[in-house]
Amino acid sequence: MKLRIHGNALRLRVKQGEVAALAAGETVEGRCDLPGQALVYRLSPGGLEVGVTFAEGVLTVGLPVAAVATWAGTEQVGIAGGAGPVDILVEKDWQCLDAKDPRDNEDTYPHPAPVC
C-alpha cells in the first residue's frame, strides 16, 4: 500500500492482495519508520462512511463494508470520501508503465492504458 499526503488530502493506492483482504473484512497496513517513532497507516473496513482517525502515530482510514465489496468485485477504481477537512481517496494500484524495478509492479492491477 502506498500513502500520499498533499495538504489536507490523503491518497492510498492498494494492491490486489490488499483489496482482497479488505473485502474479506481484514485490516491492511503499511509503515514508515521515522527516527524515534513509526508512522503506521491502516485501511479498515467498517462503519457507514469513509472516515479517518490519527492517534499515537497510527493513521486509520475506515471504509464502508458495502463500498469495499462493490469496489473489490468490479472495475471501479476507487472509493472517495471526506472526514471533516480531509479528503480521502483509496484507489487500486495500477502497474507502472515505466517501472525501473520489476518489484514495483508486483501484485498491482494491469494498467488500462495500451502499452506502446
PDB file of N, CA and C in Angstrom:
ATOM      1  N   MET A   1       0.853  -1.166   0.000  1.00  0.00           N
ATOM      2  CA  MET A   1       0.000   0.000   0.000  1.00  0.00           C
ATOM      3  C   MET A   1       0.898   1.227   0.000  1.00  0.00           C
ATOM      4  N   LYS A   2       0.472   2.207  -0.755  1.00  0.00           N
ATOM      5  CA  LYS A   2       1.213   3.465  -0.829  1.00  0.00           C
ATOM      6  C   LYS A   2       0.352   4.575  -0.252  1.00  0.00           C
ATOM      7  N   LEU A   3       0.966   5.491   0.469  1.00  0.00           N
ATOM      8  CA  LEU A   3       0.278   6.628   1.056  1.00  0.00           C
ATOM      9  C   LEU A   3       0.871   7.909   0.478  1.00  0.00           C
ATOM     10  N   ARG A   4      -0.015   8.785   0.030  1.00  0.00           N
ATOM     11  CA  ARG A   4       0.409  10.098  -0.452  1.00  0.00           C
ATOM     12  C   ARG A   4      -0.388  11.133   0.330  1.00  0.00           C
ATOM     13  N   ILE A   5       0.311  12.111   0.861  1.00  0.00           N
ATOM     14  CA  ILE A   5      -0.329  13.203   1.593  1.00  0.00           C
ATOM     15  C   ILE A   5       0.006  14.492   0.861  1.00  0.00           C
ATOM     16  N   HIS A   6      -1.030  15.249   0.551  1.00  0.00           N
ATOM     17  CA  HIS A   6      -0.839  16.546  -0.087  1.00  0.00           C
ATOM     18  C   HIS A   6      -1.821  17.516   0.551  1.00  0.00           C
ATOM     19  N   GLY A   7      -1.304  18.394   1.399  1.00  0.00           N
ATOM     20  CA  GLY A   7      -2.186  19.289   2.134  1.00  0.00           C
ATOM     21  C   GLY A   7      -3.160  18.475   2.977  1.00  0.00           C
ATOM     22  N   ASN A   8      -4.452  18.731   2.815  1.00  0.00           N
ATOM     23  CA  ASN A   8      -5.475  18.002   3.556  1.00  0.00           C
ATOM     24  C   ASN A   8      -6.087  16.875   2.730  1.00  0.00           C
ATOM     25  N   ALA A   9      -5.299  16.298   1.863  1.00  0.00           N
ATOM     26  CA  ALA A   9      -5.780  15.185   1.039  1.00  0.00           C
ATOM     27  C   ALA A   9      -4.914  13.954   1.279  1.00  0.00           C
ATOM     28  N   LEU A  10      -5.567  12.828   1.516  1.00  0.00           N
ATOM     29  CA  LEU A  10      -4.885  11.542   1.658  1.00  0.00           C
ATOM     30  C   LEU A  10      -5.259  10.686   0.457  1.00  0.00           C
ATOM     31  N   ARG A  11      -4.255  10.060  -0.147  1.00  0.00           N
ATOM     32  CA  ARG A  11      -4.490   9.142  -1.261  1.00  0.00           C
ATOM     33  C   ARG A  11      -3.735   7.857  -0.953  1.00  0.00           C
ATOM     34  N   LEU A  12      -4.464   6.754  -0.941  1.00  0.00           N
ATOM     35  CA  LEU A  12      -3.854   5.450  -0.684  1.00  0.00           C
ATOM     36  C   LEU A  12      -4.059   4.581  -1.911  1.00  0.00           C
ATOM     37  N   ARG A  13      -2.985   3.940  -2.368  1.00  0.00           N
ATOM     38  CA  ARG A  13      -3.050   3.043  -3.519  1.00  0.00           C
ATOM     39  C   ARG A  13      -2.803   1.633  -3.015  1.00  0.00           C
ATOM     40  N   VAL A  14      -3.729   0.729  -3.362  1.00  0.00           N
ATOM     41  CA  VAL A  14      -3.800  -0.581  -2.747  1.00  0.00           C
ATOM     42  C   VAL A  14      -3.623  -1.684  -3.787  1.00  0.00           C
ATOM     43  N   LYS A  15      -2.787  -2.661  -3.465  1.00  0.00           N
ATOM     44  CA  LYS A  15      -2.515  -3.781  -4.381  1.00  0.00           C
ATOM     45  C   LYS A  15      -3.635  -4.819  -4.330  1.00  0.00           C
ATOM     46  N   GLN A  16      -3.621  -5.750  -5.277  1.00  0.00           N
ATOM     47  CA  GLN A  16      -4.687  -6.740  -5.409  1.00  0.00           C
ATOM     48  C   GLN A  16      -4.899  -7.564  -4.139  1.00  0.00           C
ATOM     49  N   GLY A  17      -3.842  -8.055  -3.554  1.00  0.00           N
ATOM     50  CA  GLY A  17      -3.968  -8.864  -2.341  1.00  0.00           C
ATOM     51  C   GLY A  17      -4.546  -8.065  -1.181  1.00  0.00           C
ATOM     52  N   GLU A  18      -4.206  -6.794  -1.112  1.00  0.00           N
ATOM     53  CA  GLU A  18      -4.732  -5.936  -0.049  1.00  0.00           C
ATOM     54  C   GLU A  18      -6.226  -5.671  -0.254  1.00  0.00           C
ATOM     55  N   VAL A  19      -6.636  -5.473  -1.514  1.00  0.00           N
ATOM     56  CA  VAL A  19      -8.060  -5.293  -1.806  1.00  0.00           C
ATOM     57  C   VAL A  19      -8.833  -6.554  -1.410  1.00  0.00           C
ATOM     58  N   ALA A  20      -8.277  -7.715  -1.735  1.00  0.00           N
ATOM     59  CA  ALA A  20      -8.919  -8.987  -1.355  1.00  0.00           C
ATOM     60  C   ALA A  20      -9.027  -9.110   0.158  1.00  0.00           C
ATOM     61  N   ALA A  21      -7.990  -8.713   0.880  1.00  0.00           N
ATOM     62  CA  ALA A  21      -8.021  -8.774   2.339  1.00  0.00           C
ATOM     63  C   ALA A  21      -9.098  -7.837   2.896  1.00  0.00           C
ATOM     64  N   LEU A  22      -9.187  -6.628   2.359  1.00  0.00           N
ATOM     65  CA  LEU A  22     -10.221  -5.687   2.802  1.00  0.00           C
ATOM     66  C   LEU A  22     -11.613  -6.257   2.541  1.00  0.00           C
ATOM     67  N   ALA A  23     -11.802  -6.867   1.358  1.00  0.00           N
ATOM     68  CA  ALA A  23     -13.095  -7.457   1.017  1.00  0.00           C
ATOM     69  C   ALA A  23     -13.448  -8.608   1.959  1.00  0.00           C
ATOM     70  N   ALA A  24     -12.431  -9.260   2.518  1.00  0.00           N
ATOM     71  CA  ALA A  24     -12.642 -10.350   3.475  1.00  0.00           C
ATOM     72  C   ALA A  24     -12.821  -9.825   4.905  1.00  0.00           C
ATOM     73  N   GLY A  25     -12.848  -8.502   5.060  1.00  0.00           N
ATOM     74  CA  GLY A  25     -13.063  -7.911   6.377  1.00  0.00           C
ATOM     75  C   GLY A  25     -11.814  -7.658   7.179  1.00  0.00           C
ATOM     76  N   GLU A  26     -10.645  -7.828   6.565  1.00  0.00           N
ATOM     77  CA  GLU A  26      -9.371  -7.642   7.272  1.00  0.00           C
ATOM     78  C   GLU A  26      -8.868  -6.205   7.147  1.00  0.00           C
ATOM     79  N   THR A  27      -8.085  -5.787   8.112  1.00  0.00           N
ATOM     80  CA  THR A  27      -7.396  -4.507   8.073  1.00  0.00           C
ATOM     81  C   THR A  27      -6.043  -4.705   7.413  1.00  0.00           C
ATOM     82  N   VAL A  28      -5.625  -3.756   6.582  1.00  0.00           N
ATOM     83  CA  VAL A  28      -4.288  -3.810   5.984  1.00  0.00           C
ATOM     84  C   VAL A  28      -3.531  -2.568   6.440  1.00  0.00           C
ATOM     85  N   GLU A  29      -2.208  -2.706   6.524  1.00  0.00           N
ATOM     86  CA  GLU A  29      -1.425  -1.567   6.995  1.00  0.00           C
ATOM     87  C   GLU A  29      -0.055  -1.506   6.358  1.00  0.00           C
ATOM     88  N   GLY A  30       0.499  -0.313   6.383  1.00  0.00           N
ATOM     89  CA  GLY A  30       1.872  -0.057   5.978  1.00  0.00           C
ATOM     90  C   GLY A  30       2.515   0.777   7.060  1.00  0.00           C
ATOM     91  N   ARG A  31       3.819   0.983   6.928  1.00  0.00           N
ATOM     92  CA  ARG A  31       4.503   1.776   7.950  1.00  0.00           C
ATOM     93  C   ARG A  31       5.712   2.470   7.362  1.00  0.00           C
ATOM     94  N   CYS A  32       6.045   3.581   7.975  1.00  0.00           N
ATOM     95  CA  CYS A  32       7.251   4.332   7.652  1.00  0.00           C
ATOM     96  C   CYS A  32       7.992   4.521   8.964  1.00  0.00           C
ATOM     97  N   ASP A  33       9.193   3.929   9.068  1.00  0.00           N
ATOM     98  CA  ASP A  33       9.968   4.017  10.297  1.00  0.00           C
ATOM     99  C   ASP A  33      10.729   5.332  10.334  1.00  0.00           C
ATOM    100  N   LEU A  34      10.268   6.237  11.165  1.00  0.00           N
ATOM    101  CA  LEU A  34      10.880   7.550  11.338  1.00  0.00           C
ATOM    102  C   LEU A  34      11.794   7.512  12.555  1.00  0.00           C
ATOM    103  N   PRO A  35      12.722   8.441  12.665  1.00  0.00           N
ATOM    104  CA  PRO A  35      13.566   8.466  13.857  1.00  0.00           C
ATOM    105  C   PRO A  35      12.713   8.619  15.119  1.00  0.00           C
ATOM    106  N   GLY A  36      12.808   7.667  16.009  1.00  0.00           N
ATOM    107  CA  GLY A  36      12.109   7.739  17.284  1.00  0.00           C
ATOM    108  C   GLY A  36      10.687   7.202  17.289  1.00  0.00           C
ATOM    109  N   GLN A  37      10.061   7.057  16.116  1.00  0.00           N
ATOM    110  CA  GLN A  37       8.682   6.573  16.080  1.00  0.00           C
ATOM    111  C   GLN A  37       8.306   6.195  14.656  1.00  0.00           C
ATOM    112  N   ALA A  38       7.446   5.228  14.522  1.00  0.00           N
ATOM    113  CA  ALA A  38       6.953   4.831  13.206  1.00  0.00           C
ATOM    114  C   ALA A  38       5.626   5.526  12.936  1.00  0.00           C
ATOM    115  N   LEU A  39       5.385   5.822  11.662  1.00  0.00           N
ATOM    116  CA  LEU A  39       4.074   6.256  11.207  1.00  0.00           C
ATOM    117  C   LEU A  39       3.420   5.019  10.603  1.00  0.00           C
ATOM    118  N   VAL A  40       2.329   4.570  11.205  1.00  0.00           N
ATOM    119  CA  VAL A  40       1.599   3.406  10.713  1.00  0.00           C
ATOM    120  C   VAL A  40       0.336   3.931  10.043  1.00  0.00           C
ATOM    121  N   TYR A  41       0.031   3.408   8.855  1.00  0.00           N
ATOM    122  CA  TYR A  41      -1.195   3.805   8.161  1.00  0.00           C
ATOM    123  C   TYR A  41      -1.980   2.549   7.822  1.00  0.00           C
ATOM    124  N   ARG A  42      -3.284   2.620   8.144  1.00  0.00           N
ATOM    125  CA  ARG A  42      -4.144   1.446   8.039  1.00  0.00           C
ATOM    126  C   ARG A  42      -5.397   1.757   7.236  1.00  0.00           C
ATOM    127  N   LEU A  43      -5.879   0.740   6.545  1.00  0.00           N
ATOM    128  CA  LEU A  43      -7.209   0.753   5.950  1.00  0.00           C
ATOM    129  C   LEU A  43      -8.010  -0.312   6.665  1.00  0.00           C
ATOM    130  N   SER A  44      -9.202   0.063   7.089  1.00  0.00           N
ATOM    131  CA  SER A  44     -10.008  -0.866   7.867  1.00  0.00           C
ATOM    132  C   SER A  44     -11.459  -0.809   7.388  1.00  0.00           C
ATOM    133  N   PRO A  45     -12.014  -1.958   6.981  1.00  0.00           N
ATOM    134  CA  PRO A  45     -13.426  -1.955   6.592  1.00  0.00           C
ATOM    135  C   PRO A  45     -14.316  -1.899   7.829  1.00  0.00           C
ATOM    136  N   GLY A  46     -15.373  -1.108   7.744  1.00  0.00           N
ATOM    137  CA  GLY A  46     -16.301  -0.975   8.862  1.00  0.00           C
ATOM    138  C   GLY A  46     -16.949   0.388   8.845  1.00  0.00           C
ATOM    139  N   GLY A  47     -18.048   0.516   9.477  1.00  0.00           N
ATOM    140  CA  GLY A  47     -18.757   1.787   9.520  1.00  0.00           C
ATOM    141  C   GLY A  47     -19.591   2.020   8.272  1.00  0.00           C
ATOM    142  N   LEU A  48     -20.218   3.178   8.240  1.00  0.00           N
ATOM    143  CA  LEU A  48     -21.115   3.509   7.135  1.00  0.00           C
ATOM    144  C   LEU A  48     -20.546   4.554   6.192  1.00  0.00           C
ATOM    145  N   GLU A  49     -19.479   5.234   6.591  1.00  0.00           N
ATOM    146  CA  GLU A  49     -18.890   6.308   5.786  1.00  0.00           C
ATOM    147  C   GLU A  49     -17.374   6.189   5.788  1.00  0.00           C
ATOM    148  N   VAL A  50     -16.757   6.836   4.809  1.00  0.00           N
ATOM    149  CA  VAL A  50     -15.299   6.958   4.803  1.00  0.00           C
ATOM    150  C   VAL A  50     -14.930   7.883   5.960  1.00  0.00           C
ATOM    151  N   GLY A  51     -13.955   7.481   6.757  1.00  0.00           N
ATOM    152  CA  GLY A  51     -13.539   8.295   7.887  1.00  0.00           C
ATOM    153  C   GLY A  51     -12.061   8.146   8.152  1.00  0.00           C
ATOM    154  N   VAL A  52     -11.530   8.983   9.021  1.00  0.00           N
ATOM    155  CA  VAL A  52     -10.111   8.923   9.358  1.00  0.00           C
ATOM    156  C   VAL A  52      -9.904   9.285  10.823  1.00  0.00           C
ATOM    157  N   THR A  53      -8.956   8.577  11.456  1.00  0.00           N
ATOM    158  CA  THR A  53      -8.522   8.923  12.804  1.00  0.00           C
ATOM    159  C   THR A  53      -6.993   8.904  12.813  1.00  0.00           C
ATOM    160  N   PHE A  54      -6.431   9.636  13.760  1.00  0.00           N
ATOM    161  CA  PHE A  54      -4.980   9.623  13.953  1.00  0.00           C
ATOM    162  C   PHE A  54      -4.708   9.680  15.443  1.00  0.00           C
ATOM    163  N   ALA A  55      -4.054   8.640  15.957  1.00  0.00           N
ATOM    164  CA  ALA A  55      -3.722   8.595  17.379  1.00  0.00           C
ATOM    165  C   ALA A  55      -2.474   7.748  17.573  1.00  0.00           C
ATOM    166  N   GLU A  56      -1.570   8.230  18.398  1.00  0.00           N
ATOM    167  CA  GLU A  56      -0.352   7.505  18.776  1.00  0.00           C
ATOM    168  C   GLU A  56       0.433   7.012  17.560  1.00  0.00           C
ATOM    169  N   GLY A  57       0.541   7.866  16.547  1.00  0.00           N
ATOM    170  CA  GLY A  57       1.328   7.531  15.363  1.00  0.00           C
ATOM    171  C   GLY A  57       0.633   6.604  14.379  1.00  0.00           C
ATOM    172  N   VAL A  58      -0.667   6.355  14.583  1.00  0.00           N
ATOM    173  CA  VAL A  58      -1.407   5.459  13.696  1.00  0.00           C
ATOM    174  C   VAL A  58      -2.511   6.237  12.990  1.00  0.00           C
ATOM    175  N   LEU A  59      -2.432   6.273  11.664  1.00  0.00           N
ATOM    176  CA  LEU A  59      -3.431   6.896  10.808  1.00  0.00           C
ATOM    177  C   LEU A  59      -4.342   5.780  10.295  1.00  0.00           C
ATOM    178  N   THR A  60      -5.610   5.828  10.661  1.00  0.00           N
ATOM    179  CA  THR A  60      -6.546   4.779  10.255  1.00  0.00           C
ATOM    180  C   THR A  60      -7.632   5.378   9.384  1.00  0.00           C
ATOM    181  N   VAL A  61      -7.776   4.830   8.177  1.00  0.00           N
ATOM    182  CA  VAL A  61      -8.847   5.222   7.272  1.00  0.00           C
ATOM    183  C   VAL A  61      -9.879   4.099   7.296  1.00  0.00           C
ATOM    184  N   GLY A  62     -11.092   4.448   7.663  1.00  0.00           N
ATOM    185  CA  GLY A  62     -12.183   3.485   7.685  1.00  0.00           C
ATOM    186  C   GLY A  62     -12.976   3.559   6.392  1.00  0.00           C
ATOM    187  N   LEU A  63     -13.347   2.396   5.880  1.00  0.00           N
ATOM    188  CA  LEU A  63     -14.108   2.311   4.634  1.00  0.00           C
ATOM    189  C   LEU A  63     -15.399   1.533   4.883  1.00  0.00           C
ATOM    190  N   PRO A  64     -16.513   1.976   4.301  1.00  0.00           N
ATOM    191  CA  PRO A  64     -17.765   1.226   4.453  1.00  0.00           C
ATOM    192  C   PRO A  64     -17.648  -0.166   3.834  1.00  0.00           C
ATOM    193  N   VAL A  65     -18.133  -1.165   4.543  1.00  0.00           N
ATOM    194  CA  VAL A  65     -18.045  -2.554   4.083  1.00  0.00           C
ATOM    195  C   VAL A  65     -18.712  -2.723   2.724  1.00  0.00           C
ATOM    196  N   ALA A  66     -19.889  -2.143   2.535  1.00  0.00           N
ATOM    197  CA  ALA A  66     -20.603  -2.283   1.255  1.00  0.00           C
ATOM    198  C   ALA A  66     -19.811  -1.660   0.115  1.00  0.00           C
ATOM    199  N   ALA A  67     -19.190  -0.517   0.362  1.00  0.00           N
ATOM    200  CA  ALA A  67     -18.394   0.136  -0.681  1.00  0.00           C
ATOM    201  C   ALA A  67     -17.173  -0.703  -1.034  1.00  0.00           C
ATOM    202  N   VAL A  68     -16.555  -1.322  -0.039  1.00  0.00           N
ATOM    203  CA  VAL A  68     -15.396  -2.187  -0.283  1.00  0.00           C
ATOM    204  C   VAL A  68     -15.807  -3.394  -1.126  1.00  0.00           C
ATOM    205  N   ALA A  69     -16.951  -3.992  -0.818  1.00  0.00           N
ATOM    206  CA  ALA A  69     -17.417  -5.159  -1.561  1.00  0.00           C
ATOM    207  C   ALA A  69     -17.651  -4.818  -3.029  1.00  0.00           C
ATOM    208  N   THR A  70     -18.291  -3.689  -3.289  1.00  0.00           N
ATOM    209  CA  THR A  70     -18.532  -3.264  -4.672  1.00  0.00           C
ATOM    210  C   THR A  70     -17.222  -2.986  -5.378  1.00  0.00           C
ATOM    211  N   TRP A  71     -16.346  -2.252  -4.730  1.00  0.00           N
ATOM    212  CA  TRP A  71     -15.052  -1.866  -5.293  1.00  0.00           C
ATOM    213  C   TRP A  71     -14.210  -3.091  -5.620  1.00  0.00           C
ATOM    214  N   ALA A  72     -14.163  -4.040  -4.697  1.00  0.00           N
ATOM    215  CA  ALA A  72     -13.323  -5.227  -4.874  1.00  0.00           C
ATOM    216  C   ALA A  72     -13.836  -6.119  -5.997  1.00  0.00           C
ATOM    217  N   GLY A  73     -15.150  -6.154  -6.199  1.00  0.00           N
ATOM    218  CA  GLY A  73     -15.725  -7.075  -7.161  1.00  0.00           C
ATOM    219  C   GLY A  73     -16.011  -6.503  -8.531  1.00  0.00           C
ATOM    220  N   THR A  74     -15.584  -5.261  -8.764  1.00  0.00           N
ATOM    221  CA  THR A  74     -15.849  -4.613 -10.050  1.00  0.00           C
ATOM    222  C   THR A  74     -14.593  -3.926 -10.575  1.00  0.00           C
ATOM    223  N   GLU A  75     -14.740  -3.256 -11.697  1.00  0.00           N
ATOM    224  CA  GLU A  75     -13.631  -2.478 -12.255  1.00  0.00           C
ATOM    225  C   GLU A  75     -13.565  -1.070 -11.674  1.00  0.00           C
ATOM    226  N   GLN A  76     -14.393  -0.784 -10.695  1.00  0.00           N
ATOM    227  CA  GLN A  76     -14.355   0.518 -10.023  1.00  0.00           C
ATOM    228  C   GLN A  76     -12.940   0.785  -9.540  1.00  0.00           C
ATOM    229  N   VAL A  77     -12.425   1.967  -9.799  1.00  0.00           N
ATOM    230  CA  VAL A  77     -11.034   2.290  -9.482  1.00  0.00           C
ATOM    231  C   VAL A  77     -10.837   2.661  -8.022  1.00  0.00           C
ATOM    232  N   GLY A  78     -11.779   3.410  -7.448  1.00  0.00           N
ATOM    233  CA  GLY A  78     -11.513   3.890  -6.100  1.00  0.00           C
ATOM    234  C   GLY A  78     -12.743   4.152  -5.274  1.00  0.00           C
ATOM    235  N   ILE A  79     -12.483   4.505  -4.032  1.00  0.00           N
ATOM    236  CA  ILE A  79     -13.501   4.928  -3.077  1.00  0.00           C
ATOM    237  C   ILE A  79     -13.065   6.296  -2.572  1.00  0.00           C
ATOM    238  N   ALA A  80     -13.957   7.270  -2.671  1.00  0.00           N
ATOM    239  CA  ALA A  80     -13.628   8.628  -2.242  1.00  0.00           C
ATOM    240  C   ALA A  80     -14.567   9.047  -1.122  1.00  0.00           C
ATOM    241  N   GLY A  81     -14.090   9.934  -0.293  1.00  0.00           N
ATOM    242  CA  GLY A  81     -14.914  10.466   0.775  1.00  0.00           C
ATOM    243  C   GLY A  81     -14.172  11.554   1.510  1.00  0.00           C
ATOM    244  N   GLY A  82     -14.781  12.043   2.529  1.00  0.00           N
ATOM    245  CA  GLY A  82     -14.160  13.085   3.316  1.00  0.00           C
ATOM    246  C   GLY A  82     -14.439  12.877   4.787  1.00  0.00           C
ATOM    247  N   ALA A  83     -13.574  13.412   5.584  1.00  0.00           N
ATOM    248  CA  ALA A  83     -13.731  13.352   7.034  1.00  0.00           C
ATOM    249  C   ALA A  83     -13.328  14.718   7.571  1.00  0.00           C
ATOM    250  N   GLY A  84     -14.316  15.568   7.814  1.00  0.00           N
ATOM    251  CA  GLY A  84     -14.011  16.930   8.227  1.00  0.00           C
ATOM    252  C   GLY A  84     -13.259  17.635   7.120  1.00  0.00           C
ATOM    253  N   PRO A  85     -12.109  18.214   7.433  1.00  0.00           N
ATOM    254  CA  PRO A  85     -11.362  18.950   6.407  1.00  0.00           C
ATOM    255  C   PRO A  85     -10.496  18.068   5.498  1.00  0.00           C
ATOM    256  N   VAL A  86     -10.528  16.754   5.717  1.00  0.00           N
ATOM    257  CA  VAL A  86      -9.627  15.847   4.998  1.00  0.00           C
ATOM    258  C   VAL A  86     -10.365  15.149   3.857  1.00  0.00           C
ATOM    259  N   ASP A  87      -9.829  15.247   2.648  1.00  0.00           N
ATOM    260  CA  ASP A  87     -10.335  14.499   1.500  1.00  0.00           C
ATOM    261  C   ASP A  87      -9.573  13.184   1.426  1.00  0.00           C
ATOM    262  N   ILE A  88     -10.297  12.100   1.171  1.00  0.00           N
ATOM    263  CA  ILE A  88      -9.691  10.771   1.153  1.00  0.00           C
ATOM    264  C   ILE A  88     -10.016  10.083  -0.160  1.00  0.00           C
ATOM    265  N   LEU A  89      -9.002   9.489  -0.776  1.00  0.00           N
ATOM    266  CA  LEU A  89      -9.185   8.701  -1.988  1.00  0.00           C
ATOM    267  C   LEU A  89      -8.382   7.415  -1.823  1.00  0.00           C
ATOM    268  N   VAL A  90      -9.064   6.277  -1.954  1.00  0.00           N
ATOM    269  CA  VAL A  90      -8.424   4.967  -1.885  1.00  0.00           C
ATOM    270  C   VAL A  90      -8.597   4.343  -3.257  1.00  0.00           C
ATOM    271  N   GLU A  91      -7.485   3.994  -3.910  1.00  0.00           N
ATOM    272  CA  GLU A  91      -7.526   3.510  -5.287  1.00  0.00           C
ATOM    273  C   GLU A  91      -6.804   2.177  -5.431  1.00  0.00           C
ATOM    274  N   LYS A  92      -7.224   1.424  -6.438  1.00  0.00           N
ATOM    275  CA  LYS A  92      -6.467   0.236  -6.827  1.00  0.00           C
ATOM    276  C   LYS A  92      -5.148   0.706  -7.428  1.00  0.00           C
ATOM    277  N   ASP A  93      -4.069   0.026  -7.106  1.00  0.00           N
ATOM    278  CA  ASP A  93      -2.727   0.394  -7.583  1.00  0.00           C
ATOM    279  C   ASP A  93      -2.463  -0.270  -8.926  1.00  0.00           C
ATOM    280  N   TRP A  94      -2.289   0.544  -9.960  1.00  0.00           N
ATOM    281  CA  TRP A  94      -2.022   0.035 -11.309  1.00  0.00           C
ATOM    282  C   TRP A  94      -0.537  -0.139 -11.549  1.00  0.00           C
ATOM    283  N   GLN A  95      -0.214  -1.021 -12.476  1.00  0.00           N
ATOM    284  CA  GLN A  95       1.175  -1.237 -12.875  1.00  0.00           C
ATOM    285  C   GLN A  95       1.766   0.058 -13.427  1.00  0.00           C
ATOM    286  N   CYS A  96       3.025   0.299 -13.108  1.00  0.00           N
ATOM    287  CA  CYS A  96       3.756   1.429 -13.683  1.00  0.00           C
ATOM    288  C   CYS A  96       4.204   1.026 -15.082  1.00  0.00           C
ATOM    289  N   LEU A  97       3.956   1.885 -16.042  1.00  0.00           N
ATOM    290  CA  LEU A  97       4.338   1.561 -17.411  1.00  0.00           C
ATOM    291  C   LEU A  97       5.837   1.690 -17.628  1.00  0.00           C
ATOM    292  N   ASP A  98       6.507   2.469 -16.780  1.00  0.00           N
ATOM    293  CA  ASP A  98       7.948   2.668 -16.939  1.00  0.00           C
ATOM    294  C   ASP A  98       8.725   2.263 -15.682  1.00  0.00           C
ATOM    295  N   ALA A  99       8.247   1.215 -14.998  1.00  0.00           N
ATOM    296  CA  ALA A  99       8.884   0.785 -13.747  1.00  0.00           C
ATOM    297  C   ALA A  99      10.335   0.385 -13.997  1.00  0.00           C
ATOM    298  N   LYS A 100      11.225   0.948 -13.232  1.00  0.00           N
ATOM    299  CA  LYS A 100      12.650   0.625 -13.335  1.00  0.00           C
ATOM    300  C   LYS A 100      12.959  -0.709 -12.648  1.00  0.00           C
ATOM    301  N   ASP A 101      12.190  -1.005 -11.617  1.00  0.00           N
ATOM    302  CA  ASP A 101      12.375  -2.225 -10.835  1.00  0.00           C
ATOM    303  C   ASP A 101      11.108  -3.066 -10.965  1.00  0.00           C
ATOM    304  N   PRO A 102      11.192  -4.289 -11.482  1.00  0.00           N
ATOM    305  CA  PRO A 102      10.001  -5.120 -11.672  1.00  0.00           C
ATOM    306  C   PRO A 102       9.210  -5.359 -10.381  1.00  0.00           C
ATOM    307  N   ARG A 103       9.873  -5.264  -9.234  1.00  0.00           N
ATOM    308  CA  ARG A 103       9.165  -5.456  -7.960  1.00  0.00           C
ATOM    309  C   ARG A 103       8.121  -4.370  -7.720  1.00  0.00           C
ATOM    310  N   ASP A 104       8.301  -3.205  -8.381  1.00  0.00           N
ATOM    311  CA  ASP A 104       7.328  -2.130  -8.221  1.00  0.00           C
ATOM    312  C   ASP A 104       5.952  -2.524  -8.749  1.00  0.00           C
ATOM    313  N   ASN A 105       5.910  -3.498  -9.648  1.00  0.00           N
ATOM    314  CA  ASN A 105       4.646  -3.911 -10.247  1.00  0.00           C
ATOM    315  C   ASN A 105       4.076  -5.203  -9.665  1.00  0.00           C
ATOM    316  N   GLU A 106       4.714  -5.753  -8.659  1.00  0.00           N
ATOM    317  CA  GLU A 106       4.216  -6.990  -8.061  1.00  0.00           C
ATOM    318  C   GLU A 106       2.844  -6.775  -7.439  1.00  0.00           C
ATOM    319  N   ASP A 107       1.893  -7.637  -7.773  1.00  0.00           N
ATOM    320  CA  ASP A 107       0.546  -7.661  -7.214  1.00  0.00           C
ATOM    321  C   ASP A 107      -0.278  -6.417  -7.537  1.00  0.00           C
ATOM    322  N   THR A 108       0.132  -5.649  -8.555  1.00  0.00           N
ATOM    323  CA  THR A 108      -0.641  -4.484  -8.961  1.00  0.00           C
ATOM    324  C   THR A 108      -1.668  -4.890 -10.017  1.00  0.00           C
ATOM    325  N   TYR A 109      -2.582  -4.003 -10.282  1.00  0.00           N
ATOM    326  CA  TYR A 109      -3.597  -4.240 -11.307  1.00  0.00           C
ATOM    327  C   TYR A 109      -3.037  -3.897 -12.682  1.00  0.00           C
ATOM    328  N   PRO A 110      -3.452  -4.622 -13.730  1.00  0.00           N
ATOM    329  CA  PRO A 110      -3.000  -4.281 -15.082  1.00  0.00           C
ATOM    330  C   PRO A 110      -3.400  -2.845 -15.420  1.00  0.00           C
ATOM    331  N   HIS A 111      -2.476  -2.126 -16.010  1.00  0.00           N
ATOM    332  CA  HIS A 111      -2.734  -0.725 -16.362  1.00  0.00           C
ATOM    333  C   HIS A 111      -3.702  -0.673 -17.543  1.00  0.00           C
ATOM    334  N   PRO A 112      -4.714   0.193 -17.480  1.00  0.00           N
ATOM    335  CA  PRO A 112      -5.698   0.239 -18.561  1.00  0.00           C
ATOM    336  C   PRO A 112      -5.195   0.897 -19.840  1.00  0.00           C
ATOM    337  N   ALA A 113      -4.098   1.638 -19.754  1.00  0.00           N
ATOM    338  CA  ALA A 113      -3.566   2.298 -20.952  1.00  0.00           C
ATOM    339  C   ALA A 113      -2.863   1.281 -21.845  1.00  0.00           C
ATOM    340  N   PRO A 114      -3.001   1.423 -23.151  1.00  0.00           N
ATOM    341  CA  PRO A 114      -2.288   0.492 -24.045  1.00  0.00           C
ATOM    342  C   PRO A 114      -0.784   0.687 -23.941  1.00  0.00           C
ATOM    343  N   VAL A 115      -0.064  -0.409 -23.997  1.00  0.00           N
ATOM    344  CA  VAL A 115       1.404  -0.363 -23.946  1.00  0.00           C
ATOM    345  C   VAL A 115       1.924  -0.197 -25.361  1.00  0.00           C
ATOM    346  N   CYS A 116       2.773   0.779 -25.565  1.00  0.00           N
ATOM    347  CA  CYS A 116       3.315   1.045 -26.915  1.00  0.00           C
ATOM    348  C   CYS A 116       4.533   0.209 -27.185  1.00  0.00           C
TER     349      CYS A 116
END
